[in-house]
N, C-alpha and C. Protein backbone atom coordinates (compact mmCIF):
# COMPACT_ATOMS: atom_id res chain seq x y z
N MET A 1 1.00 -1.15 0.07
CA MET A 1 0.26 -0.04 -0.55
C MET A 1 0.85 1.24 0.15
N SER A 2 0.79 2.36 -0.78
CA SER A 2 1.57 3.63 -1.22
C SER A 2 1.15 4.47 0.16
N LYS A 3 1.91 5.37 0.41
CA LYS A 3 1.64 6.17 1.24
C LYS A 3 0.93 7.20 0.21
N SER A 4 -0.27 7.87 0.81
CA SER A 4 -1.04 9.01 -0.38
C SER A 4 0.33 10.55 0.25
N ARG A 5 0.29 11.15 -0.66
CA ARG A 5 0.99 12.65 -0.31
C ARG A 5 -0.02 13.13 -0.14
N LYS A 6 0.13 14.12 0.51
CA LYS A 6 -0.96 15.77 0.58
C LYS A 6 -0.18 16.81 -0.22
N LYS A 7 -1.37 17.31 -1.00
CA LYS A 7 -1.42 18.11 -1.95
C LYS A 7 -1.65 19.73 -1.69
N PHE A 8 -0.72 20.53 -1.72
CA PHE A 8 -1.30 21.77 -1.33
C PHE A 8 -2.18 22.68 -2.50
N ASP A 9 -3.29 23.19 -2.04
CA ASP A 9 -3.68 23.84 -2.99
C ASP A 9 -3.02 24.34 -4.07
N ASN A 10 -2.05 25.27 -3.58
CA ASN A 10 -0.93 25.59 -4.66
C ASN A 10 0.39 25.24 -5.24
N GLN A 11 0.19 23.90 -5.12
CA GLN A 11 1.39 23.21 -4.94
C GLN A 11 0.98 22.94 -6.23
N VAL A 12 2.35 22.95 -7.16
CA VAL A 12 2.09 22.18 -8.63
C VAL A 12 3.90 21.57 -8.67
N THR A 13 3.60 20.44 -9.63
CA THR A 13 4.93 19.60 -9.79
C THR A 13 5.74 20.59 -10.64
N ILE A 14 6.96 19.97 -10.92
CA ILE A 14 7.77 20.92 -12.23
C ILE A 14 6.77 20.34 -13.36
N PHE A 15 6.59 19.15 -13.50
CA PHE A 15 5.85 19.10 -15.15
C PHE A 15 4.70 20.00 -15.21
N GLU A 16 4.05 20.07 -14.19
CA GLU A 16 2.81 21.52 -14.49
C GLU A 16 3.59 22.56 -14.80
N VAL A 17 4.44 22.72 -14.52
CA VAL A 17 5.29 23.89 -14.80
C VAL A 17 6.03 24.21 -15.82
N LEU A 18 6.21 23.27 -16.59
CA LEU A 18 6.91 23.00 -17.60
C LEU A 18 5.68 22.90 -18.64
N ARG A 19 4.97 22.58 -18.47
CA ARG A 19 4.04 21.93 -19.27
C ARG A 19 3.08 23.79 -19.75
N GLN A 20 2.83 24.10 -18.17
CA GLN A 20 2.44 25.91 -18.85
C GLN A 20 3.29 26.54 -19.12
N LEU A 21 4.71 26.71 -19.42
CA LEU A 21 5.52 27.19 -20.38
C LEU A 21 5.52 26.98 -21.20
N SER A 22 5.33 25.52 -21.59
CA SER A 22 5.40 24.95 -23.16
C SER A 22 4.54 25.71 -23.48
N GLU A 23 3.29 25.53 -23.20
CA GLU A 23 1.82 26.34 -23.67
C GLU A 23 1.84 27.96 -23.81
N SER A 24 2.97 28.86 -23.19
CA SER A 24 3.00 29.77 -23.59
C SER A 24 4.10 30.49 -24.34
N GLU A 25 4.56 29.66 -24.52
CA GLU A 25 5.68 29.56 -25.38
C GLU A 25 4.98 29.31 -27.04
N ARG A 26 3.70 27.83 -26.95
CA ARG A 26 3.57 28.01 -28.11
C ARG A 26 2.65 28.71 -28.30
N GLU A 27 1.96 29.57 -27.79
CA GLU A 27 0.82 30.70 -27.73
C GLU A 27 2.01 31.84 -28.61
N ALA A 28 3.04 32.26 -27.64
CA ALA A 28 3.89 32.84 -28.36
C ALA A 28 5.09 32.80 -29.61
N ARG A 29 5.07 31.79 -30.02
CA ARG A 29 5.33 31.06 -31.22
C ARG A 29 4.80 31.93 -32.12
N ASP A 30 3.19 31.54 -31.83
CA ASP A 30 2.57 31.73 -32.96
C ASP A 30 2.16 32.97 -33.20
N GLU A 31 2.73 33.90 -32.47
CA GLU A 31 2.57 35.34 -32.45
C GLU A 31 4.11 36.28 -32.78
N ILE A 32 5.16 35.53 -33.44
CA ILE A 32 5.98 35.78 -33.77
C ILE A 32 6.23 36.69 -34.94
N GLN A 33 7.11 37.62 -34.63
CA GLN A 33 6.90 39.07 -35.32
C GLN A 33 8.38 39.11 -36.32
N GLU A 34 8.15 39.55 -37.18
CA GLU A 34 10.13 39.41 -38.09
C GLU A 34 10.96 40.60 -37.36
N GLY A 35 11.59 39.67 -37.83
CA GLY A 35 13.09 40.10 -36.64
C GLY A 35 13.12 39.78 -35.14
N GLN A 36 12.14 39.14 -34.78
CA GLN A 36 12.00 38.56 -33.02
C GLN A 36 12.90 37.51 -32.74
N LEU A 37 13.47 36.75 -33.91
CA LEU A 37 14.25 35.45 -33.42
C LEU A 37 15.66 35.91 -33.51
N LYS A 38 15.82 37.44 -34.27
CA LYS A 38 17.63 37.74 -33.83
C LYS A 38 18.15 37.84 -33.19
N MET A 39 19.11 37.15 -32.61
CA MET A 39 19.52 37.34 -31.32
C MET A 39 21.22 37.29 -30.74
N ILE A 40 21.51 38.01 -32.14
CA ILE A 40 23.38 37.82 -32.16
C ILE A 40 23.60 38.57 -31.25
N ASP A 41 22.80 39.77 -30.63
CA ASP A 41 23.57 40.65 -29.77
C ASP A 41 23.58 39.21 -28.16
N ARG A 42 22.09 38.84 -28.07
CA ARG A 42 22.54 38.47 -27.09
C ARG A 42 23.27 36.70 -27.02
N LEU A 43 23.62 36.44 -27.82
CA LEU A 43 24.49 35.45 -28.37
C LEU A 43 26.06 35.87 -27.95
N ARG A 44 25.89 36.97 -28.32
CA ARG A 44 27.53 37.83 -28.34
C ARG A 44 27.71 37.83 -26.84
N SER A 45 26.82 38.53 -26.08
CA SER A 45 27.02 38.23 -24.53
C SER A 45 27.03 37.65 -24.19
N SER A 46 26.42 36.12 -24.22
CA SER A 46 26.57 35.42 -23.41
C SER A 46 27.86 34.79 -23.75
N LEU A 47 28.34 34.56 -24.91
CA LEU A 47 29.76 34.12 -25.10
C LEU A 47 30.96 34.94 -24.12
N ARG A 48 30.84 36.38 -24.61
CA ARG A 48 31.51 36.73 -23.48
C ARG A 48 31.45 36.58 -22.22
N SER A 49 30.20 36.96 -21.35
CA SER A 49 29.95 36.29 -20.22
C SER A 49 30.81 35.08 -19.66
N SER A 50 30.36 33.86 -21.04
CA SER A 50 31.04 32.59 -20.43
C SER A 50 32.62 32.79 -20.73
N ILE A 51 32.76 33.54 -21.35
CA ILE A 51 34.59 33.85 -21.38
C ILE A 51 35.07 34.12 -20.11
N LYS A 52 34.45 35.27 -19.60
CA LYS A 52 34.77 35.89 -17.85
C LYS A 52 34.79 35.34 -17.38
N SER A 53 33.77 34.23 -16.98
CA SER A 53 33.42 33.35 -16.00
C SER A 53 34.81 31.88 -16.04
N CYS A 54 35.24 31.64 -17.11
CA CYS A 54 35.71 30.52 -17.33
C CYS A 54 37.39 30.72 -17.07
N PRO A 55 37.91 30.20 -16.35
CA PRO A 55 39.45 30.64 -15.93
C PRO A 55 40.16 30.27 -17.16
N LEU A 56 40.16 29.97 -17.90
CA LEU A 56 41.32 29.76 -18.68
C LEU A 56 41.23 31.23 -19.85
N SER A 57 41.94 31.00 -20.30
CA SER A 57 42.38 32.15 -21.18
C SER A 57 41.53 31.93 -22.75
N VAL A 58 41.27 33.07 -23.40
CA VAL A 58 40.79 32.73 -24.97
C VAL A 58 41.26 31.75 -25.60
N HIS A 59 42.88 31.74 -25.44
CA HIS A 59 43.91 30.95 -26.08
C HIS A 59 43.34 29.66 -25.86
N GLN A 60 43.42 29.57 -24.44
CA GLN A 60 43.27 28.43 -23.88
C GLN A 60 42.19 27.29 -24.47
N ILE A 61 40.92 28.28 -24.35
CA ILE A 61 39.31 27.63 -24.74
C ILE A 61 39.56 27.64 -26.02
N ALA A 62 40.62 28.28 -27.25
CA ALA A 62 40.51 28.27 -28.34
C ALA A 62 41.19 26.76 -28.66
N GLY A 63 42.71 26.43 -27.84
CA GLY A 63 43.24 25.10 -28.11
C GLY A 63 42.32 24.25 -27.33
N GLU A 64 41.66 24.25 -26.31
CA GLU A 64 41.03 23.14 -25.98
C GLU A 64 39.80 22.45 -27.00
N MET A 65 39.23 23.76 -27.66
CA MET A 65 38.36 23.88 -28.98
C MET A 65 38.84 22.28 -30.09
N SER A 66 40.01 23.34 -30.16
CA SER A 66 40.74 22.88 -31.60
C SER A 66 41.08 21.55 -31.13
N HIS A 67 41.35 20.58 -29.95
CA HIS A 67 41.28 19.48 -29.54
C HIS A 67 39.85 18.83 -29.48
N LEU A 68 38.88 19.47 -29.01
CA LEU A 68 37.73 18.64 -29.29
C LEU A 68 37.26 18.42 -29.93
N LEU A 69 36.98 19.59 -31.18
CA LEU A 69 36.71 19.64 -32.70
C LEU A 69 37.41 19.09 -33.71
N ASP A 70 38.84 18.39 -33.60
CA ASP A 70 39.84 18.15 -34.25
C ASP A 70 39.39 18.88 -35.29
N THR A 71 39.78 20.15 -34.90
CA THR A 71 39.93 21.19 -36.21
C THR A 71 40.48 22.79 -35.65
N THR A 72 41.06 23.63 -36.44
CA THR A 72 41.97 24.44 -35.78
C THR A 72 40.65 25.70 -35.28
N VAL A 73 40.76 26.12 -34.37
CA VAL A 73 40.06 27.14 -33.55
C VAL A 73 41.18 27.95 -33.08
N THR A 74 40.72 29.50 -33.70
CA THR A 74 41.99 30.09 -32.62
C THR A 74 41.63 31.26 -32.23
N GLY A 75 42.18 32.33 -31.16
CA GLY A 75 41.94 33.35 -30.34
C GLY A 75 41.07 33.93 -31.13
N GLU A 76 42.05 34.43 -32.14
CA GLU A 76 41.35 35.69 -32.98
C GLU A 76 39.89 35.34 -33.31
N MET A 77 39.54 33.78 -33.77
CA MET A 77 38.08 33.61 -34.26
C MET A 77 37.13 33.97 -33.01
N ILE A 78 37.55 33.37 -31.61
CA ILE A 78 36.71 33.73 -30.74
C ILE A 78 36.54 34.82 -30.51
N TYR A 79 37.30 35.94 -30.31
CA TYR A 79 37.15 37.42 -30.63
C TYR A 79 36.47 37.76 -31.46
N SER A 80 36.28 37.51 -32.64
CA SER A 80 35.81 37.96 -33.82
C SER A 80 34.07 37.30 -33.36
N TRP A 81 33.69 36.51 -32.59
CA TRP A 81 32.40 35.94 -32.66
C TRP A 81 31.77 36.53 -31.25
N THR A 82 32.65 37.37 -30.89
CA THR A 82 31.96 38.21 -29.59
C THR A 82 31.92 39.89 -29.66
N ARG A 83 32.84 40.39 -30.83
CA ARG A 83 32.99 41.77 -30.80
C ARG A 83 31.97 42.27 -31.27
N GLU A 84 31.27 43.58 -31.29
CA GLU A 84 30.42 44.21 -31.94
C GLU A 84 31.26 45.17 -33.07
N SER A 85 32.47 45.21 -32.60
CA SER A 85 33.01 46.54 -33.44
C SER A 85 32.77 46.30 -35.07
N ASP A 86 33.05 44.98 -35.56
CA ASP A 86 33.03 44.58 -37.15
C ASP A 86 31.84 45.33 -37.76
N GLU A 87 30.80 45.09 -37.09
CA GLU A 87 29.74 45.38 -38.13
C GLU A 87 29.58 47.05 -37.72
N MET A 88 29.98 47.85 -36.55
CA MET A 88 29.78 49.42 -36.17
C MET A 88 30.84 49.76 -37.34
N ASN A 89 32.28 49.19 -38.15
CA ASN A 89 32.76 49.59 -38.64
C ASN A 89 32.81 49.16 -40.10
N GLY A 90 31.75 48.96 -40.51
CA GLY A 90 31.12 48.66 -41.75
C GLY A 90 31.67 47.37 -42.06
N ARG A 91 32.21 45.67 -41.18
CA ARG A 91 32.42 45.21 -42.23
C ARG A 91 31.48 44.00 -41.45
N ASN A 92 31.71 42.83 -41.83
CA ASN A 92 30.28 41.79 -41.69
C ASN A 92 31.15 41.42 -40.54
N GLY A 93 29.76 40.96 -39.95
CA GLY A 93 30.49 40.56 -38.11
C GLY A 93 30.41 39.22 -38.13
N ARG A 94 31.40 38.13 -37.57
CA ARG A 94 31.58 36.88 -37.86
C ARG A 94 30.44 36.52 -36.50
N HIS A 95 29.86 35.04 -37.27
CA HIS A 95 28.97 34.03 -36.09
C HIS A 95 29.58 33.04 -35.63
N VAL A 96 29.71 32.57 -34.73
CA VAL A 96 29.67 31.60 -34.39
C VAL A 96 29.27 30.39 -34.92
N PRO A 97 29.99 29.51 -35.35
CA PRO A 97 29.43 28.03 -36.39
C PRO A 97 28.78 27.45 -35.09
N ALA A 98 27.85 27.06 -35.13
CA ALA A 98 26.55 26.11 -34.27
C ALA A 98 27.51 25.00 -33.62
N GLU A 99 28.30 24.10 -35.01
CA GLU A 99 28.57 23.00 -34.46
C GLU A 99 29.64 23.60 -33.57
N TYR A 100 30.63 24.40 -33.22
CA TYR A 100 31.30 25.17 -32.35
C TYR A 100 30.77 25.02 -30.88
N LEU A 101 29.42 25.64 -30.57
CA LEU A 101 28.79 25.71 -29.35
C LEU A 101 29.15 24.84 -28.59
N PRO A 102 29.02 23.54 -29.23
CA PRO A 102 28.76 22.34 -27.47
C PRO A 102 30.18 22.40 -27.24
N ALA A 103 31.45 22.35 -28.06
CA ALA A 103 32.29 22.32 -27.06
C ALA A 103 32.92 23.70 -26.81
N PHE A 104 32.62 24.80 -27.37
CA PHE A 104 32.89 25.97 -26.53
C PHE A 104 32.24 25.63 -25.26
N CYS A 105 30.72 25.18 -25.16
CA CYS A 105 30.39 25.50 -23.73
C CYS A 105 30.83 24.27 -23.05
N HIS A 106 31.40 23.34 -23.39
CA HIS A 106 31.99 21.73 -22.55
C HIS A 106 33.14 22.58 -21.90
N VAL A 107 33.92 23.48 -22.95
CA VAL A 107 35.43 24.18 -22.14
C VAL A 107 35.36 24.99 -21.25
N THR A 108 33.99 26.58 -21.78
CA THR A 108 34.32 26.98 -20.84
C THR A 108 33.30 26.69 -19.57
N GLY A 109 32.50 25.45 -19.47
CA GLY A 109 32.05 25.25 -18.57
C GLY A 109 30.47 25.85 -18.30
N SER A 110 30.00 26.71 -19.09
CA SER A 110 28.99 27.13 -19.11
C SER A 110 27.90 26.82 -20.23
N HIS A 111 26.75 26.21 -19.98
CA HIS A 111 25.88 26.24 -20.64
C HIS A 111 24.63 27.04 -21.68
N GLU A 112 25.05 28.68 -21.04
CA GLU A 112 24.54 29.60 -21.40
C GLU A 112 23.95 29.75 -22.54
N PRO A 113 25.03 29.59 -23.56
CA PRO A 113 25.02 30.05 -25.03
C PRO A 113 23.55 29.03 -26.02
N LEU A 114 23.75 28.08 -25.26
CA LEU A 114 22.77 26.57 -25.60
C LEU A 114 21.23 27.01 -25.14
N ARG A 115 21.75 27.23 -23.93
CA ARG A 115 20.18 27.57 -23.16
C ARG A 115 19.90 28.67 -23.84
N LEU A 116 20.15 29.77 -24.34
CA LEU A 116 19.47 30.79 -24.78
C LEU A 116 18.99 30.26 -26.51
N MET A 117 20.01 29.77 -27.07
CA MET A 117 19.51 29.04 -28.17
C MET A 117 17.99 28.39 -27.91
N CYS A 118 18.01 28.01 -27.30
CA CYS A 118 16.73 27.03 -27.29
C CYS A 118 15.68 27.40 -26.73
N GLN A 119 16.31 28.79 -25.45
CA GLN A 119 14.89 29.15 -24.79
C GLN A 119 14.00 30.22 -25.96
N ILE A 120 14.94 30.28 -27.25
CA ILE A 120 14.32 31.62 -28.21
C ILE A 120 13.02 30.90 -28.93
N ILE A 121 13.46 29.29 -28.63
CA ILE A 121 11.99 28.77 -29.69
C ILE A 121 11.14 27.91 -28.54
N GLY A 122 11.46 27.85 -27.21
CA GLY A 122 10.71 27.20 -26.55
C GLY A 122 11.10 25.94 -26.09
N LEU A 123 12.12 26.00 -25.70
CA LEU A 123 12.67 24.45 -25.16
C LEU A 123 13.36 24.45 -23.87
N PHE A 124 13.90 23.71 -23.14
CA PHE A 124 14.51 23.58 -22.17
C PHE A 124 15.64 22.55 -22.05
N VAL A 125 16.82 23.66 -21.55
CA VAL A 125 18.55 22.88 -21.60
C VAL A 125 18.14 22.43 -20.10
N LEU A 126 18.07 21.34 -19.37
CA LEU A 126 18.46 20.72 -18.17
C LEU A 126 19.66 19.97 -18.35
N PRO A 127 20.48 19.53 -17.42
CA PRO A 127 21.85 18.89 -16.93
C PRO A 127 21.64 17.57 -17.24
N GLY A 128 22.53 17.13 -17.56
CA GLY A 128 22.59 15.54 -17.77
C GLY A 128 22.47 15.13 -16.13
N PRO A 129 22.66 13.81 -15.99
CA PRO A 129 22.30 13.06 -14.66
C PRO A 129 23.54 13.07 -14.20
N GLU A 130 25.11 13.47 -15.05
CA GLU A 130 26.63 13.70 -14.27
C GLU A 130 26.29 14.97 -13.37
N ALA A 131 25.84 15.72 -14.60
CA ALA A 131 25.93 17.25 -13.71
C ALA A 131 25.11 17.38 -12.63
N LEU A 132 23.56 16.83 -12.67
CA LEU A 132 22.61 16.67 -11.45
C LEU A 132 23.16 16.16 -10.16
N ARG A 133 24.36 14.99 -10.61
CA ARG A 133 24.94 14.35 -9.43
C ARG A 133 25.79 14.98 -8.65
N ALA A 134 26.35 15.85 -9.65
CA ALA A 134 27.38 16.77 -9.00
C ALA A 134 27.17 17.99 -8.05
N GLU A 135 25.63 18.36 -8.59
CA GLU A 135 24.91 19.53 -8.14
C GLU A 135 24.50 19.15 -6.74
N ILE A 136 24.08 17.65 -6.64
CA ILE A 136 23.65 17.06 -5.37
C ILE A 136 24.89 16.85 -4.49
N GLN A 137 25.50 16.54 -4.93
CA GLN A 137 27.04 16.36 -3.98
C GLN A 137 27.34 17.90 -3.33
N LYS A 138 27.58 18.67 -4.42
CA LYS A 138 27.54 19.83 -3.78
C LYS A 138 26.73 20.70 -2.99
N ILE A 139 25.13 19.95 -2.89
CA ILE A 139 24.17 20.46 -1.50
C ILE A 139 24.80 19.61 -0.37
N ASP A 140 24.91 18.51 -0.85
CA ASP A 140 24.89 17.57 0.41
C ASP A 140 25.71 17.96 1.13
N GLU A 141 27.35 18.53 0.25
CA GLU A 141 28.35 18.92 1.05
C GLU A 141 28.12 20.54 2.18
N GLU A 142 27.51 20.98 1.63
CA GLU A 142 27.27 22.30 2.15
C GLU A 142 26.02 22.05 2.95
N LEU A 143 25.02 20.86 3.28
CA LEU A 143 24.29 20.91 4.56
C LEU A 143 25.27 20.13 5.54
N THR A 144 26.17 19.20 5.25
CA THR A 144 27.15 18.78 5.63
C THR A 144 27.82 19.71 6.80
N ARG A 145 28.58 20.79 5.84
CA ARG A 145 29.37 21.92 6.74
C ARG A 145 28.04 23.25 7.69
N VAL A 146 27.08 22.95 6.90
CA VAL A 146 26.06 23.70 7.78
C VAL A 146 25.57 22.99 9.14
N LYS A 147 25.41 21.77 9.22
CA LYS A 147 25.25 20.32 10.44
C LYS A 147 26.23 21.48 11.05
N SER A 148 27.73 20.45 10.62
CA SER A 148 28.82 20.93 11.43
C SER A 148 29.05 22.30 12.57
N LEU A 149 28.44 23.43 11.52
CA LEU A 149 28.52 24.48 12.14
C LEU A 149 27.47 24.89 13.26
N LYS A 150 26.15 24.28 12.98
CA LYS A 150 25.26 24.10 13.72
C LYS A 150 25.40 23.43 15.15
N ARG A 151 25.93 22.21 15.14
CA ARG A 151 26.50 21.56 16.03
C ARG A 151 27.76 22.51 17.00
N LYS A 152 28.70 23.06 16.15
CA LYS A 152 29.31 23.91 17.10
C LYS A 152 29.35 24.98 18.02
N ARG A 153 28.00 25.43 17.13
CA ARG A 153 27.20 26.91 17.94
C ARG A 153 26.53 26.09 19.24
N MET A 154 25.87 24.95 19.12
CA MET A 154 25.24 24.19 20.27
C MET A 154 26.01 24.09 21.03
N MET A 155 27.11 23.45 21.07
CA MET A 155 27.86 23.09 21.79
C MET A 155 28.29 24.64 22.74
N PHE A 156 28.82 25.51 22.06
CA PHE A 156 28.91 26.51 22.34
C PHE A 156 28.24 27.84 23.40
N LEU A 157 26.92 27.05 23.13
CA LEU A 157 25.45 27.62 23.40
C LEU A 157 25.52 27.12 25.28
N ARG A 158 25.77 26.25 25.05
CA ARG A 158 25.44 25.00 26.06
C ARG A 158 26.47 25.26 27.57
N GLU A 159 27.64 25.48 26.56
CA GLU A 159 29.03 25.91 27.53
C GLU A 159 28.29 27.31 27.79
N MET A 160 28.00 28.03 27.71
CA MET A 160 27.70 29.54 27.83
C MET A 160 26.60 29.49 28.97
N GLU A 161 25.22 28.59 28.72
CA GLU A 161 24.42 28.62 29.78
C GLU A 161 24.55 27.76 30.94
N CYS A 162 25.70 26.67 30.75
CA CYS A 162 26.25 25.92 31.89
C CYS A 162 26.92 26.76 33.19
N ASP A 163 28.47 27.70 32.09
CA ASP A 163 28.90 28.57 32.82
C ASP A 163 28.33 29.73 33.84
N ALA A 164 26.48 30.07 33.00
CA ALA A 164 25.82 30.96 34.01
C ALA A 164 24.92 30.56 34.95
N ARG A 165 24.79 29.43 34.87
CA ARG A 165 24.05 28.42 35.71
C ARG A 165 24.77 28.24 37.31
N ASN A 166 26.57 28.31 36.57
CA ASN A 166 27.17 27.78 37.70
C ASN A 166 27.80 29.39 38.42
N GLY A 167 27.30 30.11 37.83
CA GLY A 167 27.87 31.54 38.22
C GLY A 167 28.90 32.30 37.74
N ASN A 168 29.49 31.48 36.29
CA ASN A 168 30.83 31.99 36.10
C ASN A 168 30.55 32.91 34.99
N GLY A 169 29.51 32.80 34.57
CA GLY A 169 29.34 34.25 33.74
C GLY A 169 29.14 35.66 34.09
């Protein structure tokens, strides 16, 4: 016999939230205006943010990407994907090739560029099982640390209360 779960009136599951978001995205997709999916500025910003949060230099990122893609990727190529000055100076702007995005995200540790690409058409990017396990492990470690801190504070409080009762405080 299974245990029945109490469900609060305003409690929804993640699947219900995703379904609602999916429905609203579908409605929004039906009303797409001309140029609404042009997102190069947001993508460039996302690439720059991913590079800034990565401990590797642009040239190291390029080297790692070259290794993963088995093709040459240079630091200058990455700079050209992220700068706006080309279009401002009358030159054609360079775009990151879509087939390079997974390698870029893997090397920088940021899935933001891919998440952004999917979000604009109503898809969701969720981390794989290993990423979720790592996140769960981090949470467990944080819980252990907080419990240890609480235990230390509780012992200190007991000592203070004991000293106060004995007249030493």
